[in-house]
Amino acid sequence: MSAKPLWTVAEAASVLGLPGNFPATAIDFVTQDSRLVKPKSLFLALSGTPSGGFVSSFASARDGWEFAASAEAAGAVAMIVPHRIDGVSVPQLVVKDTLLDGLWALARAARTRFNGPVIGLTGSAGKTSTKEFIAAYPKAYASPSSFNNFWGVPLTLCNAEPDASVWVVEMGMNQVGEIARLSDLTRPTVALVVNVQPVHLEKLGSLEAIRREKISIVRGLPSDWHAGAAGRRECAGMEWQNRPFWR
C-alpha cells in the first residue's frame, strides 16, 4: 500500500462540497460497519433503510449513526452523517443522504483520480472466484469478499489503492437496473460477463431478462469499449447496441 493516505479529512470534505476548515488528518480505511472501524478510519453512517431506490435483504432496523460513538472509540478520525451527532468529537461531515451524497460521491472522486485500467465483472455464479483469479495480477486491487452491491461497490472504489496496477470490481444485483447504475459509478474500461444462469428468476422473471441485466454492465464503458462473455450457451449472441461481446 502507498505511504500516502487514501484520503485526508479535508479532501473528503472538499469532495462532498462542504464549507469550512477541516484537518488534513489521514484516512486509510472507509467503512459503513462500526465493527470494522480501526484507527484512521472514515465511518459512513448509512441509514438502515436504503435510499436511492435500492433494495437490500440486509436492511437494518437501526441506523448507522446510532453507532457513531462506538466508531469513534474504535479509532474513526471522521464520519459522514446526515445530521450532527451529540457527544462525537471527531469531524462530522454532514450531508443530506449519506449513501448517495456521501458514499457514492466519494466513490466517484476515487474513480476520477485513477487513470489505470478498471475491470468490471458480473455473472450469475462464479463472480468472486473469477475476480480473485484476475486479482492475482501483480499490484492489482480487487473488491474485498463479495462487496458487489449498492454499498459494496462504492466502498471498493473508496478503498482502492490509487497506485494499483488495475482495479477489479465485482458487480451483482438485487433488482432491475442495479448493474447499470453500478457500472455508471465504476466506469470500467473492460467488462466481463462470467455467465448467465437462471438465478434471481423470482425478481426478473426470465433468463432473457437476466441476460439483459448482466449485459447492462457495459453502460459505464468508454465509447471504444471492450466486453467479454464466457463461452457458455447462455451467453451466446450477447450484444449491446448492435455490438457483440467477444468470447
Protein backbone atom coordinates (compact mmCIF):
# COMPACT_ATOMS: atom_id res chain seq x y z
CA MET A 1 0.00 0.00 0.00
CA SER A 2 1.20 3.51 -0.76
CA ALA A 3 2.68 5.55 2.10
CA LYS A 4 0.30 8.33 1.13
CA PRO A 5 -3.10 8.02 2.82
CA LEU A 6 -6.16 7.13 0.75
CA TRP A 7 -7.76 10.40 1.77
CA THR A 8 -7.48 13.19 4.29
CA VAL A 9 -10.46 14.53 6.19
CA ALA A 10 -10.03 17.83 4.32
CA GLU A 11 -10.04 16.05 0.94
CA ALA A 12 -13.17 14.10 1.81
CA ALA A 13 -14.93 17.28 2.92
CA SER A 14 -13.94 19.02 -0.30
CA VAL A 15 -15.24 16.13 -2.42
CA LEU A 16 -18.56 16.36 -0.58
CA GLY A 17 -18.73 20.09 -1.20
CA LEU A 18 -18.70 21.02 2.47
CA PRO A 19 -17.71 24.55 3.52
CA GLY A 20 -15.37 25.30 6.40
CA ASN A 21 -11.94 24.23 7.52
CA PHE A 22 -11.23 20.56 8.07
CA PRO A 23 -7.98 18.95 9.25
CA ALA A 24 -5.54 17.13 6.99
CA THR A 25 -5.86 14.03 9.17
CA ALA A 26 -5.02 10.85 7.26
CA ILE A 27 -7.74 8.35 6.34
CA ASP A 28 -6.58 4.84 5.46
CA PHE A 29 -9.88 2.96 5.51
CA VAL A 30 -13.52 3.70 4.69
CA THR A 31 -16.30 1.56 6.18
CA GLN A 32 -20.00 1.59 6.93
CA ASP A 33 -19.65 -1.06 9.65
CA SER A 34 -18.72 0.23 13.11
CA ARG A 35 -17.43 -3.25 13.98
CA LEU A 36 -14.77 -2.94 11.27
CA VAL A 37 -13.57 0.52 12.24
CA LYS A 38 -9.88 0.74 13.07
CA PRO A 39 -7.51 3.68 13.62
CA LYS A 40 -7.50 6.19 10.73
CA SER A 41 -10.94 5.11 9.51
CA LEU A 42 -13.68 7.20 7.95
CA PHE A 43 -17.03 5.92 9.23
CA LEU A 44 -20.04 6.16 6.93
CA ALA A 45 -23.25 6.25 8.91
CA LEU A 46 -25.74 4.75 6.47
CA SER A 47 -29.47 4.53 7.01
CA GLY A 48 -30.82 1.13 7.94
CA THR A 49 -33.33 1.54 5.09
CA PRO A 50 -31.52 2.06 1.76
CA SER A 51 -32.12 5.28 -0.12
CA GLY A 52 -31.86 5.93 -3.85
CA GLY A 53 -34.49 3.33 -4.72
CA PHE A 54 -32.17 0.47 -3.79
CA VAL A 55 -33.41 -2.64 -2.03
CA SER A 56 -31.46 -4.92 0.26
CA SER A 57 -32.03 -8.22 2.01
CA PHE A 58 -29.77 -6.87 4.76
CA ALA A 59 -31.85 -3.82 5.67
CA SER A 60 -31.46 -2.98 9.34
CA ALA A 61 -33.90 -1.70 11.92
CA ARG A 62 -31.15 0.57 13.20
CA ASP A 63 -29.29 3.42 11.50
CA GLY A 64 -25.52 3.69 11.27
CA TRP A 65 -25.33 6.96 13.17
CA GLU A 66 -26.58 5.15 16.27
CA PHE A 67 -23.10 3.59 16.37
CA ALA A 68 -21.16 6.84 15.96
CA ALA A 69 -19.75 6.74 19.48
CA SER A 70 -18.58 3.15 19.02
CA ALA A 71 -16.92 4.09 15.74
CA GLU A 72 -15.07 6.98 17.36
CA ALA A 73 -13.95 4.77 20.25
CA ALA A 74 -12.58 2.23 17.74
CA GLY A 75 -10.42 4.84 16.01
CA ALA A 76 -12.53 6.67 13.44
CA VAL A 77 -10.95 10.06 12.63
CA ALA A 78 -14.09 11.42 10.94
CA MET A 79 -17.58 10.32 9.98
CA ILE A 80 -20.14 11.07 7.32
CA VAL A 81 -23.52 11.65 8.93
CA PRO A 82 -26.95 13.09 7.94
CA HIS A 83 -27.02 15.41 10.97
CA ARG A 84 -24.73 16.32 13.81
CA ILE A 85 -24.33 13.66 16.47
CA ASP A 86 -24.07 14.77 20.09
CA GLY A 87 -21.07 13.52 22.02
CA VAL A 88 -18.83 12.95 18.99
CA SER A 89 -15.58 14.92 18.97
CA VAL A 90 -14.09 13.91 15.59
CA PRO A 91 -15.02 15.93 12.47
CA GLN A 92 -18.55 15.24 11.24
CA LEU A 93 -19.12 15.58 7.50
CA VAL A 94 -22.84 16.34 7.30
CA VAL A 95 -24.65 15.53 4.04
CA LYS A 96 -28.32 15.10 3.21
CA ASP A 97 -28.07 11.46 2.15
CA THR A 98 -25.09 9.50 3.47
CA LEU A 99 -25.42 6.88 0.72
CA LEU A 100 -25.75 8.98 -2.44
CA ASP A 101 -24.35 12.34 -1.27
CA GLY A 102 -21.71 10.70 0.91
CA LEU A 103 -20.52 7.25 -0.10
CA TRP A 104 -21.33 7.48 -3.82
CA ALA A 105 -19.89 11.00 -4.12
CA LEU A 106 -16.63 9.86 -2.52
CA ALA A 107 -16.55 6.79 -4.78
CA ARG A 108 -16.94 8.95 -7.90
CA ALA A 109 -13.99 11.07 -6.80
CA ALA A 110 -11.91 7.94 -6.19
CA ARG A 111 -12.66 6.67 -9.68
CA THR A 112 -11.92 10.05 -11.26
CA ARG A 113 -8.42 10.21 -9.81
CA PHE A 114 -7.48 6.69 -11.00
CA ASN A 115 -6.09 6.53 -14.54
CA GLY A 116 -5.34 2.82 -14.73
CA PRO A 117 -7.48 0.01 -16.16
CA VAL A 118 -10.65 -0.99 -14.34
CA ILE A 119 -12.15 -4.43 -14.97
CA GLY A 120 -15.82 -4.71 -14.09
CA LEU A 121 -17.29 -8.19 -13.92
CA THR A 122 -20.65 -9.76 -13.25
CA GLY A 123 -22.39 -13.09 -13.67
CA SER A 124 -24.94 -15.38 -12.10
CA ALA A 125 -22.28 -17.53 -10.41
CA GLY A 126 -18.52 -17.56 -10.06
CA LYS A 127 -18.07 -13.78 -9.88
CA THR A 128 -15.96 -13.81 -6.74
CA SER A 129 -13.67 -16.67 -7.80
CA THR A 130 -13.14 -15.07 -11.22
CA LYS A 131 -12.37 -11.77 -9.52
CA GLU A 132 -9.80 -13.42 -7.26
CA PHE A 133 -8.17 -15.12 -10.25
CA ILE A 134 -7.77 -11.80 -12.09
CA ALA A 135 -6.63 -10.08 -8.91
CA ALA A 136 -3.58 -12.35 -8.78
CA TYR A 137 -2.04 -9.96 -11.29
CA PRO A 138 0.83 -8.02 -9.63
CA LYS A 139 -0.28 -4.93 -7.68
CA ALA A 140 -3.94 -5.45 -8.61
CA TYR A 141 -6.66 -4.24 -6.25
CA ALA A 142 -9.93 -6.14 -6.06
CA SER A 143 -13.26 -5.91 -4.28
CA PRO A 144 -12.98 -7.46 -0.83
CA SER A 145 -15.14 -10.52 -0.21
CA SER A 146 -18.43 -10.14 -2.13
CA PHE A 147 -18.69 -6.35 -2.00
CA ASN A 148 -20.78 -6.22 -5.15
CA ASN A 149 -23.95 -4.28 -4.31
CA PHE A 150 -25.01 -0.64 -4.00
CA TRP A 151 -22.83 -0.07 -0.94
CA GLY A 152 -20.13 -2.69 -1.56
CA VAL A 153 -19.08 -1.37 -4.98
CA PRO A 154 -18.67 2.28 -3.87
CA LEU A 155 -16.81 1.11 -0.77
CA THR A 156 -14.49 -0.84 -3.05
CA LEU A 157 -13.77 2.30 -5.06
CA CYS A 158 -13.24 4.43 -1.94
CA ASN A 159 -10.71 1.96 -0.54
CA ALA A 160 -8.96 1.06 -3.80
CA GLU A 161 -5.26 1.86 -3.86
CA PRO A 162 -4.58 4.78 -6.22
CA ASP A 163 -1.22 3.32 -7.26
CA ALA A 164 -2.56 -0.18 -8.07
CA SER A 165 -1.83 -1.65 -11.50
CA VAL A 166 -5.51 -2.46 -12.10
CA TRP A 167 -8.79 -2.37 -10.22
CA VAL A 168 -11.08 -5.41 -10.36
CA VAL A 169 -14.65 -4.60 -9.37
CA GLU A 170 -17.35 -7.22 -8.91
CA MET A 171 -20.98 -6.19 -9.54
CA GLY A 172 -24.15 -8.01 -8.52
CA MET A 173 -27.81 -7.12 -8.40
CA ASN A 174 -30.94 -7.34 -6.26
CA GLN A 175 -33.22 -5.50 -8.68
CA VAL A 176 -33.58 -4.44 -12.29
CA GLY A 177 -31.25 -1.58 -13.22
CA GLU A 178 -28.77 -2.03 -10.38
CA ILE A 179 -25.86 -3.28 -12.50
CA ALA A 180 -26.23 -0.37 -14.93
CA ARG A 181 -26.08 2.10 -12.04
CA LEU A 182 -23.04 0.36 -10.56
CA SER A 183 -21.34 0.38 -13.96
CA ASP A 184 -22.04 4.10 -14.38
CA LEU A 185 -20.39 4.64 -11.00
CA THR A 186 -17.40 2.35 -11.65
CA ARG A 187 -16.78 3.37 -15.28
CA PRO A 188 -14.90 0.17 -16.15
CA THR A 189 -12.53 0.12 -19.10
CA VAL A 190 -13.20 -3.59 -19.66
CA ALA A 191 -16.36 -5.52 -18.78
CA LEU A 192 -16.72 -9.27 -18.32
CA VAL A 193 -19.90 -11.35 -18.00
CA VAL A 194 -18.82 -14.63 -16.40
CA ASN A 195 -22.08 -16.49 -17.16
CA VAL A 196 -25.85 -16.12 -17.22
CA GLN A 197 -27.90 -18.66 -15.30
CA PRO A 198 -31.50 -18.85 -14.01
CA VAL A 199 -30.69 -17.09 -10.74
CA HIS A 200 -32.99 -14.29 -9.46
CA LEU A 201 -35.85 -15.54 -11.65
CA GLU A 202 -38.22 -14.50 -8.86
CA LYS A 203 -37.06 -10.90 -9.37
CA LEU A 204 -36.58 -10.74 -13.13
CA GLY A 205 -38.98 -13.34 -14.46
CA SER A 206 -36.96 -14.92 -17.27
CA LEU A 207 -33.49 -15.91 -18.38
CA GLU A 208 -33.63 -13.29 -21.12
CA ALA A 209 -34.33 -10.57 -18.53
CA ILE A 210 -31.34 -11.79 -16.53
CA ARG A 211 -29.20 -11.63 -19.69
CA ARG A 212 -30.27 -8.04 -20.30
CA GLU A 213 -29.45 -7.10 -16.72
CA LYS A 214 -25.97 -8.67 -16.89
CA ILE A 215 -25.25 -7.10 -20.29
CA SER A 216 -26.03 -3.67 -18.84
CA ILE A 217 -22.58 -3.74 -17.23
CA VAL A 218 -21.38 -2.07 -20.44
CA ARG A 219 -23.33 1.09 -19.55
CA GLY A 220 -20.32 2.68 -17.88
CA LEU A 221 -17.75 1.70 -20.52
CA PRO A 222 -16.00 4.30 -22.70
CA SER A 223 -17.09 4.71 -26.31
CA ASP A 224 -14.38 2.32 -27.53
CA TRP A 225 -15.47 -0.33 -25.06
CA HIS A 226 -14.38 -3.94 -24.77
CA ALA A 227 -16.64 -6.53 -23.19
CA GLY A 228 -16.39 -10.28 -22.94
CA ALA A 229 -18.73 -13.15 -22.15
CA ALA A 230 -17.72 -16.64 -21.12
CA GLY A 231 -18.12 -19.31 -23.78
CA ARG A 232 -21.30 -20.82 -22.42
CA ARG A 233 -24.53 -21.43 -24.24
CA GLU A 234 -26.40 -18.90 -22.10
CA CYS A 235 -24.02 -16.13 -23.22
CA ALA A 236 -24.26 -16.87 -26.94
CA GLY A 237 -25.17 -13.89 -29.10
CA MET A 238 -24.70 -11.29 -26.39
CA GLU A 239 -24.59 -7.77 -27.76
CA TRP A 240 -25.26 -4.20 -26.71
CA GLN A 241 -26.38 -1.53 -29.15
CA ASN A 242 -25.58 -3.92 -32.03
CA ARG A 243 -22.03 -4.50 -30.82
CA PRO A 244 -21.17 -8.12 -29.92
CA PHE A 245 -19.32 -9.34 -26.86
CA TRP A 246 -16.10 -11.21 -27.61
CA ARG A 247 -15.93 -14.77 -26.33
